[in-house]
Amino acid sequence: MCSDIMIGTWAWGTGYNGSRMIFGSRTDPAVLSKTFEKAVGLGLKNWDTAAVYGMGSCEQLLGRLMQGREDIFISTKFFPAKKFKSGELTKSFEDSMKRLGRKHADIFWIHTPNNLNDNLKEALPLMNDGRIRSVGISNVSMTHIKQAEKYLAENGQKLGAVQNHFSLLRNDQQPIIDYCNSHGIRYYAYMVLEQGALSGKYSAKHHFPVFSMRNLAFPKSKFIRIERLLAVLRKTAEAHSIDPSQVPVLWAISKGAVPIVGITKPEHAEKLAAALKVTLTAEETDELTEEAGKTGIRQQGSWEPQ
């Protein structure tokens, strides 16, 4: 089951677009090191990062932690500008590999569909020589997926993966998930816990840090609207003797997605590994879906397409 999960590291970066700015809390490199070792020891060897997570600081940290570990599956991302500039993807890839201490990326993502064909064209030489083992696209529609498939097929390559926002509170991706799974494309779901809103740790009385981007995206008023959903998460967790934070992860797996789950402490890795031994029943999955629908919430990041 560990192959059906990816560890996310957005909260591992520092500075701009890092842990303090986005999540409202700082991370301790020593604790993150222990988290990495614990997770890998439990078989959680698929890791996801991006050049923009802490503007390179996350990749640098992972690079140090992965040193000498060729068994780690690593994916990272290039964030394209709105206006295409030749050479930017290649430079981003090379800079990421230097920070990560790798010669290749298992998945290299085009973080947004800006100038999609132009960026795929620039990625082709890196794919052809094996430095990009699989190319992925993120924050995309079905139209973008078919566009990428067509372009790559015409050039002797294949789209390997799609990464979109998918959770109990962003449950409009099933047609894309089903399409990907039927076309040999792995679908990765990010923000399955809505940056902690669905973890069970927070509530209307104890919500996100005020000075954080996630508080702007999910204020106290939304926690009031998901109280019943959080109760169902707790009930489902108790039935399987797991932590409530793991139920949304199992729900995403039941829908055919590969969840990307952020962890920052060794105990997070332990909870995740324990939960991956569990499979939700169809009745539990349906109840969670129904209760989430009653909230009327459709979460969307400012960076996402409509």
C-alpha atoms as a PDB file:
ATOM      1  CA  MET A   1       0.000   0.000   0.000  1.00  0.00           C
ATOM      2  CA  CYS A   2       2.961   2.380   0.517  1.00  0.00           C
ATOM      3  CA  SER A   3       3.296   2.618  -3.266  1.00  0.00           C
ATOM      4  CA  ASP A   4      -0.137   4.275  -3.233  1.00  0.00           C
ATOM      5  CA  ILE A   5       1.052   7.283  -1.241  1.00  0.00           C
ATOM      6  CA  MET A   6       3.399  10.243  -1.767  1.00  0.00           C
ATOM      7  CA  ILE A   7       4.923  12.337   0.991  1.00  0.00           C
ATOM      8  CA  GLY A   8       4.427  16.074   0.448  1.00  0.00           C
ATOM      9  CA  THR A   9       6.932  18.649   1.646  1.00  0.00           C
ATOM     10  CA  TRP A  10       5.388  22.088   1.083  1.00  0.00           C
ATOM     11  CA  ALA A  11       5.686  22.780   4.823  1.00  0.00           C
ATOM     12  CA  TRP A  12       9.382  21.850   4.806  1.00  0.00           C
ATOM     13  CA  GLY A  13      10.569  24.985   3.039  1.00  0.00           C
ATOM     14  CA  THR A  14      11.547  28.223   4.766  1.00  0.00           C
ATOM     15  CA  GLY A  15      11.226  31.882   3.831  1.00  0.00           C
ATOM     16  CA  TYR A  16       8.931  33.028   1.030  1.00  0.00           C
ATOM     17  CA  ASN A  17       6.222  30.461   0.210  1.00  0.00           C
ATOM     18  CA  GLY A  18       7.501  28.310   3.061  1.00  0.00           C
ATOM     19  CA  SER A  19       6.163  26.928   6.313  1.00  0.00           C
ATOM     20  CA  ARG A  20       5.807  30.201   8.237  1.00  0.00           C
ATOM     21  CA  MET A  21       4.062  32.114   5.449  1.00  0.00           C
ATOM     22  CA  ILE A  22       1.702  29.358   4.279  1.00  0.00           C
ATOM     23  CA  PHE A  23       1.088  27.316   7.415  1.00  0.00           C
ATOM     24  CA  GLY A  24       1.729  29.849  10.170  1.00  0.00           C
ATOM     25  CA  SER A  25       4.374  27.782  11.955  1.00  0.00           C
ATOM     26  CA  ARG A  26       8.084  27.127  11.703  1.00  0.00           C
ATOM     27  CA  THR A  27       9.627  23.720  11.178  1.00  0.00           C
ATOM     28  CA  ASP A  28      12.727  22.368  12.916  1.00  0.00           C
ATOM     29  CA  PRO A  29      15.293  20.853  10.504  1.00  0.00           C
ATOM     30  CA  ALA A  30      16.343  18.342  13.177  1.00  0.00           C
ATOM     31  CA  VAL A  31      12.748  17.146  13.554  1.00  0.00           C
ATOM     32  CA  LEU A  32      12.308  17.005   9.792  1.00  0.00           C
ATOM     33  CA  SER A  33      15.438  14.857   9.555  1.00  0.00           C
ATOM     34  CA  LYS A  34      13.989  12.416  12.091  1.00  0.00           C
ATOM     35  CA  THR A  35      10.685  12.513  10.197  1.00  0.00           C
ATOM     36  CA  PHE A  36      12.422  11.598   6.967  1.00  0.00           C
ATOM     37  CA  GLU A  37      14.278   8.692   8.561  1.00  0.00           C
ATOM     38  CA  LYS A  38      11.154   7.404  10.280  1.00  0.00           C
ATOM     39  CA  ALA A  39       9.062   7.624   7.106  1.00  0.00           C
ATOM     40  CA  VAL A  40      11.658   5.908   4.925  1.00  0.00           C
ATOM     41  CA  GLY A  41      12.130   3.230   7.565  1.00  0.00           C
ATOM     42  CA  LEU A  42       8.402   2.542   7.401  1.00  0.00           C
ATOM     43  CA  GLY A  43       8.566   2.121   3.639  1.00  0.00           C
ATOM     44  CA  LEU A  44       7.342   5.611   2.691  1.00  0.00           C
ATOM     45  CA  LYS A  45       9.893   6.269  -0.031  1.00  0.00           C
ATOM     46  CA  ASN A  46       7.925   8.384  -2.545  1.00  0.00           C
ATOM     47  CA  TRP A  47       8.580  12.092  -1.996  1.00  0.00           C
ATOM     48  CA  ASP A  48       7.161  15.188  -3.666  1.00  0.00           C
ATOM     49  CA  THR A  49       8.593  18.695  -3.622  1.00  0.00           C
ATOM     50  CA  ALA A  50       8.836  21.777  -5.864  1.00  0.00           C
ATOM     51  CA  ALA A  51      11.248  24.559  -6.706  1.00  0.00           C
ATOM     52  CA  VAL A  52       8.780  27.098  -5.276  1.00  0.00           C
ATOM     53  CA  TYR A  53       8.426  25.398  -1.867  1.00  0.00           C
ATOM     54  CA  GLY A  54      10.426  27.831   0.201  1.00  0.00           C
ATOM     55  CA  MET A  55      11.986  28.960  -3.092  1.00  0.00           C
ATOM     56  CA  GLY A  56      14.487  26.110  -3.249  1.00  0.00           C
ATOM     57  CA  SER A  57      15.047  25.612   0.491  1.00  0.00           C
ATOM     58  CA  CYS A  58      12.860  22.511   0.596  1.00  0.00           C
ATOM     59  CA  GLU A  59      14.775  20.856  -2.242  1.00  0.00           C
ATOM     60  CA  GLN A  60      18.079  21.694  -0.536  1.00  0.00           C
ATOM     61  CA  LEU A  61      16.946  20.046   2.701  1.00  0.00           C
ATOM     62  CA  LEU A  62      15.674  16.954   0.910  1.00  0.00           C
ATOM     63  CA  GLY A  63      18.916  16.784  -1.041  1.00  0.00           C
ATOM     64  CA  ARG A  64      20.898  16.583   2.182  1.00  0.00           C
ATOM     65  CA  LEU A  65      18.567  13.967   3.652  1.00  0.00           C
ATOM     66  CA  MET A  66      18.565  11.822   0.504  1.00  0.00           C
ATOM     67  CA  GLN A  67      22.337  11.818   0.108  1.00  0.00           C
ATOM     68  CA  GLY A  68      23.412   8.288  -0.789  1.00  0.00           C
ATOM     69  CA  ARG A  69      19.802   7.052  -0.858  1.00  0.00           C
ATOM     70  CA  GLU A  70      19.100   5.896  -4.398  1.00  0.00           C
ATOM     71  CA  ASP A  71      15.946   4.082  -3.241  1.00  0.00           C
ATOM     72  CA  ILE A  72      14.007   7.343  -2.860  1.00  0.00           C
ATOM     73  CA  PHE A  73      11.450   8.127  -5.574  1.00  0.00           C
ATOM     74  CA  ILE A  74      11.525  11.899  -6.039  1.00  0.00           C
ATOM     75  CA  SER A  75       9.233  14.257  -7.892  1.00  0.00           C
ATOM     76  CA  THR A  76       9.696  17.993  -8.218  1.00  0.00           C
ATOM     77  CA  LYS A  77       8.189  20.817 -10.238  1.00  0.00           C
ATOM     78  CA  PHE A  78       8.853  23.740 -12.543  1.00  0.00           C
ATOM     79  CA  PHE A  79       6.522  26.732 -12.188  1.00  0.00           C
ATOM     80  CA  PRO A  80       6.215  28.325 -15.652  1.00  0.00           C
ATOM     81  CA  ALA A  81       5.657  32.032 -16.120  1.00  0.00           C
ATOM     82  CA  LYS A  82       2.621  33.278 -18.010  1.00  0.00           C
ATOM     83  CA  LYS A  83       4.848  34.250 -20.913  1.00  0.00           C
ATOM     84  CA  PHE A  84       6.989  31.462 -22.307  1.00  0.00           C
ATOM     85  CA  LYS A  85      10.740  31.992 -22.265  1.00  0.00           C
ATOM     86  CA  SER A  86      12.975  29.418 -23.890  1.00  0.00           C
ATOM     87  CA  GLY A  87      15.409  27.767 -21.491  1.00  0.00           C
ATOM     88  CA  GLU A  88      13.483  28.410 -18.270  1.00  0.00           C
ATOM     89  CA  LEU A  89      12.248  24.822 -17.848  1.00  0.00           C
ATOM     90  CA  THR A  90      15.702  23.408 -18.536  1.00  0.00           C
ATOM     91  CA  LYS A  91      17.336  25.795 -16.066  1.00  0.00           C
ATOM     92  CA  SER A  92      14.706  25.046 -13.427  1.00  0.00           C
ATOM     93  CA  PHE A  93      15.286  21.307 -13.893  1.00  0.00           C
ATOM     94  CA  GLU A  94      19.051  21.626 -13.643  1.00  0.00           C
ATOM     95  CA  ASP A  95      18.836  23.890 -10.575  1.00  0.00           C
ATOM     96  CA  SER A  96      16.441  21.453  -8.891  1.00  0.00           C
ATOM     97  CA  MET A  97      18.741  18.512  -9.582  1.00  0.00           C
ATOM     98  CA  LYS A  98      21.687  20.397  -8.069  1.00  0.00           C
ATOM     99  CA  ARG A  99      19.691  21.148  -4.912  1.00  0.00           C
ATOM    100  CA  LEU A 100      18.409  17.572  -4.700  1.00  0.00           C
ATOM    101  CA  GLY A 101      21.779  16.017  -5.511  1.00  0.00           C
ATOM    102  CA  ARG A 102      20.241  13.935  -8.299  1.00  0.00           C
ATOM    103  CA  LYS A 103      20.898  13.423 -11.986  1.00  0.00           C
ATOM    104  CA  HIS A 104      17.298  12.550 -12.797  1.00  0.00           C
ATOM    105  CA  ALA A 105      13.758  13.179 -11.560  1.00  0.00           C
ATOM    106  CA  ASP A 106      11.388  10.224 -11.288  1.00  0.00           C
ATOM    107  CA  ILE A 107       8.579  12.664 -12.066  1.00  0.00           C
ATOM    108  CA  PHE A 108       9.150  16.218 -13.258  1.00  0.00           C
ATOM    109  CA  TRP A 109       6.007  18.327 -13.146  1.00  0.00           C
ATOM    110  CA  ILE A 110       4.936  21.349 -15.124  1.00  0.00           C
ATOM    111  CA  HIS A 111       3.302  23.064 -12.174  1.00  0.00           C
ATOM    112  CA  THR A 112       0.659  24.991 -14.144  1.00  0.00           C
ATOM    113  CA  PRO A 113      -0.555  24.632 -17.752  1.00  0.00           C
ATOM    114  CA  ASN A 114       0.884  27.968 -18.887  1.00  0.00           C
ATOM    115  CA  ASN A 115       2.256  27.563 -22.444  1.00  0.00           C
ATOM    116  CA  LEU A 116       1.819  23.822 -22.076  1.00  0.00           C
ATOM    117  CA  ASN A 117       3.019  22.655 -25.502  1.00  0.00           C
ATOM    118  CA  ASP A 118       6.027  24.966 -25.490  1.00  0.00           C
ATOM    119  CA  ASN A 119       7.128  23.653 -22.093  1.00  0.00           C
ATOM    120  CA  LEU A 120       6.506  20.032 -23.074  1.00  0.00           C
ATOM    121  CA  LYS A 121       8.624  20.630 -26.179  1.00  0.00           C
ATOM    122  CA  GLU A 122      11.464  21.900 -24.017  1.00  0.00           C
ATOM    123  CA  ALA A 123      11.093  18.892 -21.719  1.00  0.00           C
ATOM    124  CA  LEU A 124      11.419  16.390 -24.586  1.00  0.00           C
ATOM    125  CA  PRO A 125      15.253  16.284 -24.735  1.00  0.00           C
ATOM    126  CA  LEU A 126      15.348  15.706 -20.961  1.00  0.00           C
ATOM    127  CA  MET A 127      12.819  12.909 -21.352  1.00  0.00           C
ATOM    128  CA  ASN A 128      14.618  11.372 -24.300  1.00  0.00           C
ATOM    129  CA  ASP A 129      17.943  11.146 -22.460  1.00  0.00           C
ATOM    130  CA  GLY A 130      16.350   9.796 -19.271  1.00  0.00           C
ATOM    131  CA  ARG A 131      16.903  12.767 -16.992  1.00  0.00           C
ATOM    132  CA  ILE A 132      13.110  13.107 -16.729  1.00  0.00           C
ATOM    133  CA  ARG A 133      11.854   9.564 -16.265  1.00  0.00           C
ATOM    134  CA  SER A 134       8.200  10.599 -16.296  1.00  0.00           C
ATOM    135  CA  VAL A 135       6.625  13.966 -17.061  1.00  0.00           C
ATOM    136  CA  GLY A 136       3.597  15.204 -15.181  1.00  0.00           C
ATOM    137  CA  ILE A 137       1.261  18.176 -15.389  1.00  0.00           C
ATOM    138  CA  SER A 138      -0.430  19.867 -12.453  1.00  0.00           C
ATOM    139  CA  ASN A 139      -3.472  22.083 -11.869  1.00  0.00           C
ATOM    140  CA  VAL A 140      -4.972  21.020 -15.168  1.00  0.00           C
ATOM    141  CA  SER A 141      -8.324  20.338 -16.800  1.00  0.00           C
ATOM    142  CA  MET A 142      -9.345  17.388 -18.954  1.00  0.00           C
ATOM    143  CA  THR A 143      -8.658  19.562 -21.995  1.00  0.00           C
ATOM    144  CA  HIS A 144      -5.077  20.134 -20.843  1.00  0.00           C
ATOM    145  CA  ILE A 145      -4.579  16.411 -20.224  1.00  0.00           C
ATOM    146  CA  LYS A 146      -5.730  15.445 -23.712  1.00  0.00           C
ATOM    147  CA  GLN A 147      -3.660  18.255 -25.206  1.00  0.00           C
ATOM    148  CA  ALA A 148      -0.535  16.989 -23.425  1.00  0.00           C
ATOM    149  CA  GLU A 149      -1.275  13.381 -24.384  1.00  0.00           C
ATOM    150  CA  LYS A 150      -1.628  14.317 -28.043  1.00  0.00           C
ATOM    151  CA  TYR A 151       1.516  16.433 -28.173  1.00  0.00           C
ATOM    152  CA  LEU A 152       3.676  13.862 -26.397  1.00  0.00           C
ATOM    153  CA  ALA A 153       2.337  10.959 -28.473  1.00  0.00           C
ATOM    154  CA  GLU A 154       3.207  12.852 -31.650  1.00  0.00           C
ATOM    155  CA  ASN A 155       6.747  13.129 -30.324  1.00  0.00           C
ATOM    156  CA  GLY A 156       7.203   9.543 -29.178  1.00  0.00           C
ATOM    157  CA  GLN A 157       6.586  10.138 -25.489  1.00  0.00           C
ATOM    158  CA  LYS A 158       3.784   9.610 -22.964  1.00  0.00           C
ATOM    159  CA  LEU A 159       2.149  11.648 -20.226  1.00  0.00           C
ATOM    160  CA  GLY A 160       3.031   9.912 -16.975  1.00  0.00           C
ATOM    161  CA  ALA A 161       1.072  11.716 -14.277  1.00  0.00           C
ATOM    162  CA  VAL A 162      -1.482  14.359 -13.336  1.00  0.00           C
ATOM    163  CA  GLN A 163      -1.481  16.194  -9.996  1.00  0.00           C
ATOM    164  CA  ASN A 164      -4.587  18.145  -9.000  1.00  0.00           C
ATOM    165  CA  HIS A 165      -6.346  19.367  -5.895  1.00  0.00           C
ATOM    166  CA  PHE A 166      -8.716  16.616  -4.696  1.00  0.00           C
ATOM    167  CA  SER A 167     -10.309  16.157  -1.299  1.00  0.00           C
ATOM    168  CA  LEU A 168     -13.607  15.681   0.471  1.00  0.00           C
ATOM    169  CA  LEU A 169     -14.040  19.438   0.068  1.00  0.00           C
ATOM    170  CA  ARG A 170     -12.876  19.507  -3.558  1.00  0.00           C
ATOM    171  CA  ASN A 171     -14.691  16.478  -4.907  1.00  0.00           C
ATOM    172  CA  ASP A 172     -15.115  17.333  -8.598  1.00  0.00           C
ATOM    173  CA  GLN A 173     -12.214  15.342 -10.038  1.00  0.00           C
ATOM    174  CA  GLN A 174     -13.710  11.862 -10.429  1.00  0.00           C
ATOM    175  CA  PRO A 175     -14.066  12.025 -14.244  1.00  0.00           C
ATOM    176  CA  ILE A 176     -10.399  13.044 -14.526  1.00  0.00           C
ATOM    177  CA  ILE A 177      -9.290  10.362 -12.051  1.00  0.00           C
ATOM    178  CA  ASP A 178     -11.203   7.680 -13.944  1.00  0.00           C
ATOM    179  CA  TYR A 179      -9.816   8.904 -17.275  1.00  0.00           C
ATOM    180  CA  CYS A 180      -6.241   8.867 -15.977  1.00  0.00           C
ATOM    181  CA  ASN A 181      -6.557   5.398 -14.485  1.00  0.00           C
ATOM    182  CA  SER A 182      -7.988   4.030 -17.733  1.00  0.00           C
ATOM    183  CA  HIS A 183      -5.207   5.614 -19.817  1.00  0.00           C
ATOM    184  CA  GLY A 184      -2.157   4.556 -17.817  1.00  0.00           C
ATOM    185  CA  ILE A 185      -1.682   7.973 -16.199  1.00  0.00           C
ATOM    186  CA  ARG A 186      -1.177   8.109 -12.425  1.00  0.00           C
ATOM    187  CA  TYR A 187      -3.436  10.644 -10.719  1.00  0.00           C
ATOM    188  CA  TYR A 188      -1.895  12.300  -7.647  1.00  0.00           C
ATOM    189  CA  ALA A 189      -4.158  14.220  -5.260  1.00  0.00           C
ATOM    190  CA  TYR A 190      -2.751  17.140  -3.294  1.00  0.00           C
ATOM    191  CA  MET A 191      -4.338  18.899  -0.309  1.00  0.00           C
ATOM    192  CA  VAL A 192      -6.337  15.813   0.669  1.00  0.00           C
ATOM    193  CA  LEU A 193      -6.311  17.169   4.244  1.00  0.00           C
ATOM    194  CA  GLU A 194      -6.949  20.765   3.129  1.00  0.00           C
ATOM    195  CA  GLN A 195      -3.726  21.895   4.805  1.00  0.00           C
ATOM    196  CA  GLY A 196      -4.917  20.404   8.099  1.00  0.00           C
ATOM    197  CA  ALA A 197      -8.575  21.475   8.102  1.00  0.00           C
ATOM    198  CA  LEU A 198      -9.593  17.807   7.772  1.00  0.00           C
ATOM    199  CA  SER A 199      -6.939  16.453  10.136  1.00  0.00           C
ATOM    200  CA  GLY A 200      -9.099  16.561  13.260  1.00  0.00           C
ATOM    201  CA  LYS A 201      -6.527  18.787  14.967  1.00  0.00           C
ATOM    202  CA  TYR A 202      -8.411  22.012  14.222  1.00  0.00           C
ATOM    203  CA  SER A 203     -11.974  23.204  14.804  1.00  0.00           C
ATOM    204  CA  ALA A 204     -14.056  26.380  15.052  1.00  0.00           C
ATOM    205  CA  LYS A 205     -12.705  26.841  18.601  1.00  0.00           C
ATOM    206  CA  HIS A 206      -9.135  25.983  17.651  1.00  0.00           C
ATOM    207  CA  HIS A 207      -8.601  27.065  14.065  1.00  0.00           C
ATOM    208  CA  PHE A 208      -5.586  27.945  11.943  1.00  0.00           C
ATOM    209  CA  PRO A 209      -2.954  30.525  12.978  1.00  0.00           C
ATOM    210  CA  VAL A 210      -4.305  33.985  12.155  1.00  0.00           C
ATOM    211  CA  PHE A 211      -1.200  35.099  10.284  1.00  0.00           C
ATOM    212  CA  SER A 212      -1.054  32.331   7.711  1.00  0.00           C
ATOM    213  CA  MET A 213      -2.236  31.823   4.153  1.00  0.00           C
ATOM    214  CA  ARG A 214      -4.219  28.744   5.146  1.00  0.00           C
ATOM    215  CA  ASN A 215      -6.260  30.800   7.605  1.00  0.00           C
ATOM    216  CA  LEU A 216      -7.261  33.109   4.753  1.00  0.00           C
ATOM    217  CA  ALA A 217      -8.311  30.090   2.682  1.00  0.00           C
ATOM    218  CA  PHE A 218     -10.090  28.336   5.542  1.00  0.00           C
ATOM    219  CA  PRO A 219     -11.314  30.784   8.228  1.00  0.00           C
ATOM    220  CA  LYS A 220     -13.284  29.986  11.371  1.00  0.00           C
ATOM    221  CA  SER A 221     -16.602  30.302   9.501  1.00  0.00           C
ATOM    222  CA  LYS A 222     -15.716  27.298   7.351  1.00  0.00           C
ATOM    223  CA  PHE A 223     -14.791  25.186  10.360  1.00  0.00           C
ATOM    224  CA  ILE A 224     -18.318  25.771  11.654  1.00  0.00           C
ATOM    225  CA  ARG A 225     -19.687  24.400   8.374  1.00  0.00           C
ATOM    226  CA  ILE A 226     -17.623  21.188   8.552  1.00  0.00           C
ATOM    227  CA  GLU A 227     -18.338  20.236  12.171  1.00  0.00           C
ATOM    228  CA  ARG A 228     -20.615  17.346  11.168  1.00  0.00           C
ATOM    229  CA  LEU A 229     -18.066  16.111   8.624  1.00  0.00           C
ATOM    230  CA  LEU A 230     -15.333  16.166  11.272  1.00  0.00           C
ATOM    231  CA  ALA A 231     -17.621  14.108  13.537  1.00  0.00           C
ATOM    232  CA  VAL A 232     -17.996  11.472  10.797  1.00  0.00           C
ATOM    233  CA  LEU A 233     -14.210  11.441  10.329  1.00  0.00           C
ATOM    234  CA  ARG A 234     -13.768  10.763  14.049  1.00  0.00           C
ATOM    235  CA  LYS A 235     -16.396   8.011  14.022  1.00  0.00           C
ATOM    236  CA  THR A 236     -14.803   6.310  11.019  1.00  0.00           C
ATOM    237  CA  ALA A 237     -11.344   6.550  12.586  1.00  0.00           C
ATOM    238  CA  GLU A 238     -12.571   4.983  15.822  1.00  0.00           C
ATOM    239  CA  ALA A 239     -14.088   2.070  13.891  1.00  0.00           C
ATOM    240  CA  HIS A 240     -10.643   1.242  12.488  1.00  0.00           C
ATOM    241  CA  SER A 241      -8.502   2.338  15.480  1.00  0.00           C
ATOM    242  CA  ILE A 242      -6.649   4.933  13.418  1.00  0.00           C
ATOM    243  CA  ASP A 243      -6.131   8.684  13.733  1.00  0.00           C
ATOM    244  CA  PRO A 244      -8.896  10.897  12.212  1.00  0.00           C
ATOM    245  CA  SER A 245      -6.267  12.652  10.079  1.00  0.00           C
ATOM    246  CA  GLN A 246      -5.844   9.472   8.061  1.00  0.00           C
ATOM    247  CA  VAL A 247      -9.484   8.979   7.055  1.00  0.00           C
ATOM    248  CA  PRO A 248      -9.425  11.601   4.225  1.00  0.00           C
ATOM    249  CA  VAL A 249      -6.279   9.901   2.910  1.00  0.00           C
ATOM    250  CA  LEU A 250      -8.019   6.519   2.777  1.00  0.00           C
ATOM    251  CA  TRP A 251     -11.070   8.154   1.201  1.00  0.00           C
ATOM    252  CA  ALA A 252      -8.900   9.560  -1.626  1.00  0.00           C
ATOM    253  CA  ILE A 253      -7.320   6.140  -2.188  1.00  0.00           C
ATOM    254  CA  SER A 254     -10.797   4.594  -2.394  1.00  0.00           C
ATOM    255  CA  LYS A 255     -11.581   7.038  -5.203  1.00  0.00           C
ATOM    256  CA  GLY A 256      -8.611   5.891  -7.283  1.00  0.00           C
ATOM    257  CA  ALA A 257      -6.174   8.691  -6.424  1.00  0.00           C
ATOM    258  CA  VAL A 258      -2.625   8.542  -5.072  1.00  0.00           C
ATOM    259  CA  PRO A 259      -2.694  10.991  -2.132  1.00  0.00           C
ATOM    260  CA  ILE A 260       0.144  13.387  -1.437  1.00  0.00           C
ATOM    261  CA  VAL A 261       0.258  13.742   2.339  1.00  0.00           C
ATOM    262  CA  GLY A 262       2.279  16.373   4.152  1.00  0.00           C
ATOM    263  CA  ILE A 263       4.070  15.222   7.296  1.00  0.00           C
ATOM    264  CA  THR A 264       6.431  17.201   9.542  1.00  0.00           C
ATOM    265  CA  LYS A 265       6.895  14.929  12.588  1.00  0.00           C
ATOM    266  CA  PRO A 266       7.916  11.283  13.062  1.00  0.00           C
ATOM    267  CA  GLU A 267       4.545  10.479  14.643  1.00  0.00           C
ATOM    268  CA  HIS A 268       2.825  11.687  11.463  1.00  0.00           C
ATOM    269  CA  ALA A 269       4.713   9.018   9.526  1.00  0.00           C
ATOM    270  CA  GLU A 270       3.727   6.385  12.094  1.00  0.00           C
ATOM    271  CA  LYS A 271       0.046   7.310  11.863  1.00  0.00           C
ATOM    272  CA  LEU A 272       0.154   7.259   8.075  1.00  0.00           C
ATOM    273  CA  ALA A 273       1.876   3.878   7.880  1.00  0.00           C
ATOM    274  CA  ALA A 274      -0.648   2.403  10.328  1.00  0.00           C
ATOM    275  CA  ALA A 275      -3.597   3.763   8.355  1.00  0.00           C
ATOM    276  CA  LEU A 276      -2.343   2.342   5.067  1.00  0.00           C
ATOM    277  CA  LYS A 277      -3.140  -1.129   6.405  1.00  0.00           C
ATOM    278  CA  VAL A 278      -6.835  -0.157   6.465  1.00  0.00           C
ATOM    279  CA  THR A 279      -9.394  -0.117   3.641  1.00  0.00           C
ATOM    280  CA  LEU A 280     -12.623   1.866   4.037  1.00  0.00           C
ATOM    281  CA  THR A 281     -15.877   0.092   3.289  1.00  0.00           C
ATOM    282  CA  ALA A 282     -18.047   1.347   0.436  1.00  0.00           C
ATOM    283  CA  GLU A 283     -20.615   2.462   3.022  1.00  0.00           C
ATOM    284  CA  GLU A 284     -18.010   4.507   4.891  1.00  0.00           C
ATOM    285  CA  THR A 285     -16.752   6.114   1.701  1.00  0.00           C
ATOM    286  CA  ASP A 286     -20.300   7.009   0.644  1.00  0.00           C
ATOM    287  CA  GLU A 287     -21.148   8.471   4.058  1.00  0.00           C
ATOM    288  CA  LEU A 288     -18.047  10.668   4.000  1.00  0.00           C
ATOM    289  CA  THR A 289     -18.816  11.842   0.462  1.00  0.00           C
ATOM    290  CA  GLU A 290     -22.415  12.624   1.350  1.00  0.00           C
ATOM    291  CA  GLU A 291     -21.529  14.533   4.518  1.00  0.00           C
ATOM    292  CA  ALA A 292     -18.855  16.529   2.694  1.00  0.00           C
ATOM    293  CA  GLY A 293     -21.385  17.460   0.026  1.00  0.00           C
ATOM    294  CA  LYS A 294     -23.721  18.867   2.682  1.00  0.00           C
ATOM    295  CA  THR A 295     -21.108  21.468   3.661  1.00  0.00           C
ATOM    296  CA  GLY A 296     -21.534  23.228   0.321  1.00  0.00           C
ATOM    297  CA  ILE A 297     -17.797  23.971   0.322  1.00  0.00           C
ATOM    298  CA  ARG A 298     -15.616  23.759  -2.780  1.00  0.00           C
ATOM    299  CA  GLN A 299     -12.077  24.648  -1.828  1.00  0.00           C
ATOM    300  CA  GLN A 300      -9.841  26.226  -4.428  1.00  0.00           C
ATOM    301  CA  GLY A 301      -6.358  27.672  -4.224  1.00  0.00           C
ATOM    302  CA  SER A 302      -5.632  31.088  -5.706  1.00  0.00           C
ATOM    303  CA  TRP A 303      -3.153  29.442  -8.098  1.00  0.00           C
ATOM    304  CA  GLU A 304      -5.657  26.934  -9.502  1.00  0.00           C
ATOM    305  CA  PRO A 305      -7.634  27.226 -12.749  1.00  0.00           C
ATOM    306  CA  GLN A 306     -11.400  27.517 -12.320  1.00  0.00           C
END
